[in-house]
Protein backbone atom coordinates (compact mmCIF):
# COMPACT_ATOMS: atom_id res chain seq x y z
CA UNK A 1 98.82 88.66 97.44
CA UNK A 2 98.30 89.87 93.84
CA UNK A 3 94.82 88.41 93.93
CA UNK A 4 93.92 90.10 97.17
CA UNK A 5 91.27 92.72 96.55
CA UNK A 6 92.19 94.59 99.73
CA UNK A 7 95.66 95.36 98.28
CA UNK A 8 95.02 98.55 96.38
CA UNK A 9 98.40 98.52 94.59
CA UNK A 10 97.86 94.93 93.33
CA UNK A 11 97.09 96.05 89.67
CA UNK A 12 100.37 98.11 89.72
CA UNK A 13 102.42 95.10 90.88
CA UNK A 14 100.80 92.89 88.32
CA UNK A 15 101.66 95.33 85.57
CA UNK A 16 105.31 95.63 86.73
CA UNK A 17 105.71 91.85 86.86
CA UNK A 18 104.15 91.40 83.46
CA UNK A 19 106.12 94.03 81.56
CA UNK A 20 109.11 91.81 80.95
CA UNK A 21 106.96 89.27 79.13
CA UNK A 22 106.02 91.76 76.38
CA UNK A 23 109.59 92.83 75.80
CA UNK A 24 111.48 91.18 72.90
CA UNK A 25 113.52 88.16 74.03
CA UNK A 26 116.68 89.12 72.17
CA UNK A 27 116.56 92.67 73.42
CA UNK A 28 115.95 91.56 77.03
CA UNK A 29 118.88 89.20 76.76
CA UNK A 30 121.27 91.77 75.41
CA UNK A 31 120.25 94.33 78.01
CA UNK A 32 120.73 91.77 80.88
CA UNK A 33 124.15 90.91 79.47
CA UNK A 34 125.15 94.60 80.10
CA UNK A 35 123.39 94.65 83.42
CA UNK A 36 125.39 91.61 84.69
CA UNK A 37 128.65 92.71 82.98
CA UNK A 38 131.78 92.20 85.08
CA UNK A 39 132.96 95.69 84.37
CA UNK A 40 130.67 98.72 84.62
CA UNK A 41 127.68 96.45 85.03
CA UNK A 42 125.09 97.97 87.43
CA UNK A 43 124.78 94.79 89.48
CA UNK A 44 128.49 94.60 90.13
CA UNK A 45 128.66 98.34 90.82
CA UNK A 46 125.97 98.00 93.46
CA UNK A 47 127.57 94.89 95.07
CA UNK A 48 130.95 96.57 95.25
CA UNK A 49 129.43 99.89 96.38
CA UNK A 50 127.77 98.33 99.43
CA UNK A 51 130.82 96.20 100.16
CA UNK A 52 129.30 92.78 99.48
CA UNK A 53 132.22 91.86 97.12
CA UNK A 54 135.61 93.27 96.63
CA UNK A 55 136.10 92.24 93.01
CA UNK A 56 133.58 92.09 90.15
CA UNK A 57 131.73 88.86 89.68
CA UNK A 58 131.74 87.25 86.19
CA UNK A 59 128.11 86.31 86.25
CA UNK A 60 127.98 85.34 82.62
CA UNK A 61 131.65 84.58 82.09
CA UNK A 62 132.15 81.91 84.79
CA UNK A 63 131.02 78.37 84.27
CA UNK A 64 129.98 78.18 87.93
CA UNK A 65 127.60 81.15 87.82
CA UNK A 66 126.52 81.48 84.18
CA UNK A 67 123.69 79.00 84.27
CA UNK A 68 122.28 80.21 87.58
CA UNK A 69 122.33 83.78 86.32
CA UNK A 70 120.65 82.74 83.08
CA UNK A 71 117.95 80.88 85.02
CA UNK A 72 117.33 83.98 87.17
CA UNK A 73 117.02 86.18 84.16
CA UNK A 74 114.71 83.71 82.41
CA UNK A 75 112.45 83.55 85.47
CA UNK A 76 112.32 87.37 85.57
CA UNK A 77 111.50 87.37 81.93
CA UNK A 78 108.67 85.00 81.90
CA UNK A 79 107.36 85.18 85.45
CA UNK A 80 104.39 87.28 84.39
CA UNK A 81 102.92 84.71 82.07
CA UNK A 82 102.19 81.99 84.60
CA UNK A 83 101.28 84.70 87.08
CA UNK A 84 98.29 85.55 84.83
CA UNK A 85 97.30 81.89 84.57
CA UNK A 86 97.39 81.52 88.31
CA UNK A 87 95.41 84.74 88.81
CA UNK A 88 92.81 83.52 86.34
CA UNK A 89 92.48 80.26 88.28
CA UNK A 90 92.23 82.07 91.66
CA UNK A 91 89.52 84.27 90.34
CA UNK A 92 87.39 81.27 89.40
CA UNK A 93 87.06 80.32 93.07
CA UNK A 94 83.84 81.66 94.53
CA UNK A 95 84.41 84.20 97.32
CA UNK A 96 81.45 82.84 99.16
CA UNK A 97 83.60 79.78 100.06
CA UNK A 98 86.16 81.91 101.79
CA UNK A 99 83.54 84.04 103.48
CA UNK A 100 81.88 80.88 104.93
CA UNK A 101 85.27 79.55 105.97
CA UNK A 102 86.05 82.80 107.86
CA UNK A 103 82.69 82.67 109.58
CA UNK A 104 83.56 79.17 110.84
CA UNK A 105 86.87 80.52 112.19
CA UNK A 106 89.21 79.00 109.59
CA UNK A 107 92.62 80.58 109.39
CA UNK A 108 94.32 81.66 106.15
CA UNK A 109 96.37 78.54 106.12
CA UNK A 110 93.27 76.31 106.58
CA UNK A 111 91.52 78.20 103.77
CA UNK A 112 94.49 77.64 101.49
CA UNK A 113 94.69 73.91 102.26
CA UNK A 114 90.98 73.14 102.19
CA UNK A 115 89.68 75.53 99.57
CA UNK A 116 92.35 77.07 97.39
CA UNK A 117 94.62 74.09 96.79
CA UNK A 118 91.99 71.50 95.80
CA UNK A 119 90.16 73.84 93.49
CA UNK A 120 93.39 74.87 91.80
CA UNK A 121 94.54 71.29 90.96
CA UNK A 122 93.20 71.31 87.36
CA UNK A 123 94.80 74.65 86.74
CA UNK A 124 98.05 73.54 88.32
CA UNK A 125 98.41 70.59 85.93
CA UNK A 126 97.71 72.68 82.81
CA UNK A 127 100.00 75.61 83.97
CA UNK A 128 102.75 73.13 84.77
CA UNK A 129 102.53 71.72 81.32
CA UNK A 130 102.60 75.15 79.65
CA UNK A 131 105.53 76.33 81.77
CA UNK A 132 107.48 73.04 81.21
CA UNK A 133 107.18 73.22 77.46
CA UNK A 134 107.87 76.96 77.51
CA UNK A 135 111.03 76.36 79.48
CA UNK A 136 112.30 74.06 76.70
CA UNK A 137 112.02 76.91 74.12
CA UNK A 138 114.96 78.97 75.10
CA UNK A 139 116.98 79.09 72.00
CA UNK A 140 116.63 82.81 71.24
CA UNK A 141 117.08 83.66 74.90
CA UNK A 142 120.23 81.65 75.43
CA UNK A 143 121.78 82.48 72.03
CA UNK A 144 121.47 86.21 72.67
CA UNK A 145 122.61 85.99 76.24
CA UNK A 146 125.50 83.60 76.27
CA UNK A 147 125.47 81.65 72.96
CA UNK A 148 126.25 78.56 75.07
CA UNK A 149 129.44 79.97 76.63
CA UNK A 150 131.74 80.03 78.34
CA UNK A 151 133.09 76.68 76.95
CA UNK A 152 129.56 75.25 76.37
CA UNK A 153 128.74 75.46 80.10
CA UNK A 154 125.35 77.12 79.31
CA UNK A 155 124.62 75.24 76.17
CA UNK A 156 121.02 73.95 76.15
CA UNK A 157 119.59 71.25 73.89
CA UNK A 158 118.35 73.69 71.21
CA UNK A 159 121.84 75.37 71.03
CA UNK A 160 123.45 72.04 70.78
CA UNK A 161 121.13 70.98 67.86
CA UNK A 162 121.80 74.36 66.12
CA UNK A 163 125.56 74.07 66.56
CA UNK A 164 125.69 70.58 65.33
CA UNK A 165 123.47 71.10 62.35
CA UNK A 166 124.68 74.56 61.13
CA UNK A 167 128.00 75.12 62.89
CA UNK A 168 129.97 72.60 60.89
CA UNK A 169 131.40 72.49 57.44
CA UNK A 170 133.42 70.15 55.38
CA UNK A 171 133.53 66.34 55.54
CA UNK A 172 132.35 66.14 59.15
CA UNK A 173 129.29 68.16 58.50
CA UNK A 174 127.13 65.16 57.53
CA UNK A 175 128.03 63.28 60.65
CA UNK A 176 127.31 66.20 62.82
CA UNK A 177 123.98 66.74 61.13
CA UNK A 178 123.14 63.18 62.10
CA UNK A 179 123.93 64.01 65.70
CA UNK A 180 121.73 67.05 65.42
CA UNK A 181 118.92 64.96 64.01
CA UNK A 182 119.15 62.48 66.81
CA UNK A 183 119.16 65.23 69.39
CA UNK A 184 116.12 66.75 67.75
CA UNK A 185 114.31 63.44 67.98
CA UNK A 186 115.15 63.14 71.71
CA UNK A 187 113.92 66.70 72.19
CA UNK A 188 110.62 65.94 70.54
CA UNK A 189 110.23 62.74 72.64
CA UNK A 190 110.86 64.80 75.85
CA UNK A 191 108.05 67.24 74.83
CA UNK A 192 105.70 64.28 74.06
CA UNK A 193 106.43 62.66 77.47
CA UNK A 194 105.62 65.94 79.21
CA UNK A 195 102.34 66.24 77.34
CA UNK A 196 101.52 62.61 78.07
CA UNK A 197 102.19 63.05 81.68
CA UNK A 198 99.87 66.04 81.73
CA UNK A 199 97.09 64.15 79.98
CA UNK A 200 97.42 61.26 82.39
CA UNK A 201 97.29 63.59 85.39
CA UNK A 202 94.20 65.30 84.08
CA UNK A 203 92.47 61.95 83.46
CA UNK A 204 93.21 60.75 87.05
CA UNK A 205 91.93 64.00 88.39
CA UNK A 206 88.71 63.69 86.48
CA UNK A 207 88.24 60.15 87.59
CA UNK A 208 88.95 60.98 91.21
CA UNK A 209 86.41 63.83 91.06
CA UNK A 210 83.77 61.59 89.45
CA UNK A 211 84.32 58.96 92.18
CA UNK A 212 83.93 61.49 94.95
CA UNK A 213 80.70 62.82 93.39
CA UNK A 214 79.35 59.37 92.93
CA UNK A 215 80.23 58.36 96.40
């Protein structure tokens, strides 16, 4: 829809969806903590005002809802970045292909399956890698939003490493630093596995394309 030229307001919607990306992560997290506050938070006020709930919801204070709320805020914050990547990929597809398909009577769904999806495969692999690695870099976001609470229910790997490495003092600090180092190694291995999977997928895609051209 955002790539549709007939939609005159598409540039406006693109701008609105991209604005959260350029905001500071810490500021966005702090603002969202007030927005989803149990008392005097706009979200709870709206929900109670329309009668959806009778009592305020502890979005960031309940271990059942905190992670889902954080995921929703994170998606809102960074949705604009992959959106730009997808739009760039869509705009590389020649419009003549769609025009020829419409002349042949192909529906929108058939155009998507036969034209858009195959030509977007290389972009999809790269975008998936970028998004996957970006989703692992949530330290500043989660620290400002929940700091791992309540009771470590929203603690991600980076917060765990930070807490183990710098949140201890005394005789146990050396042992906890070892835990942090081990977690850091696992975190790095996870990133390497994601990058390796992306490289393998791209290689298979290139090999498959070369075989189709040769055939």
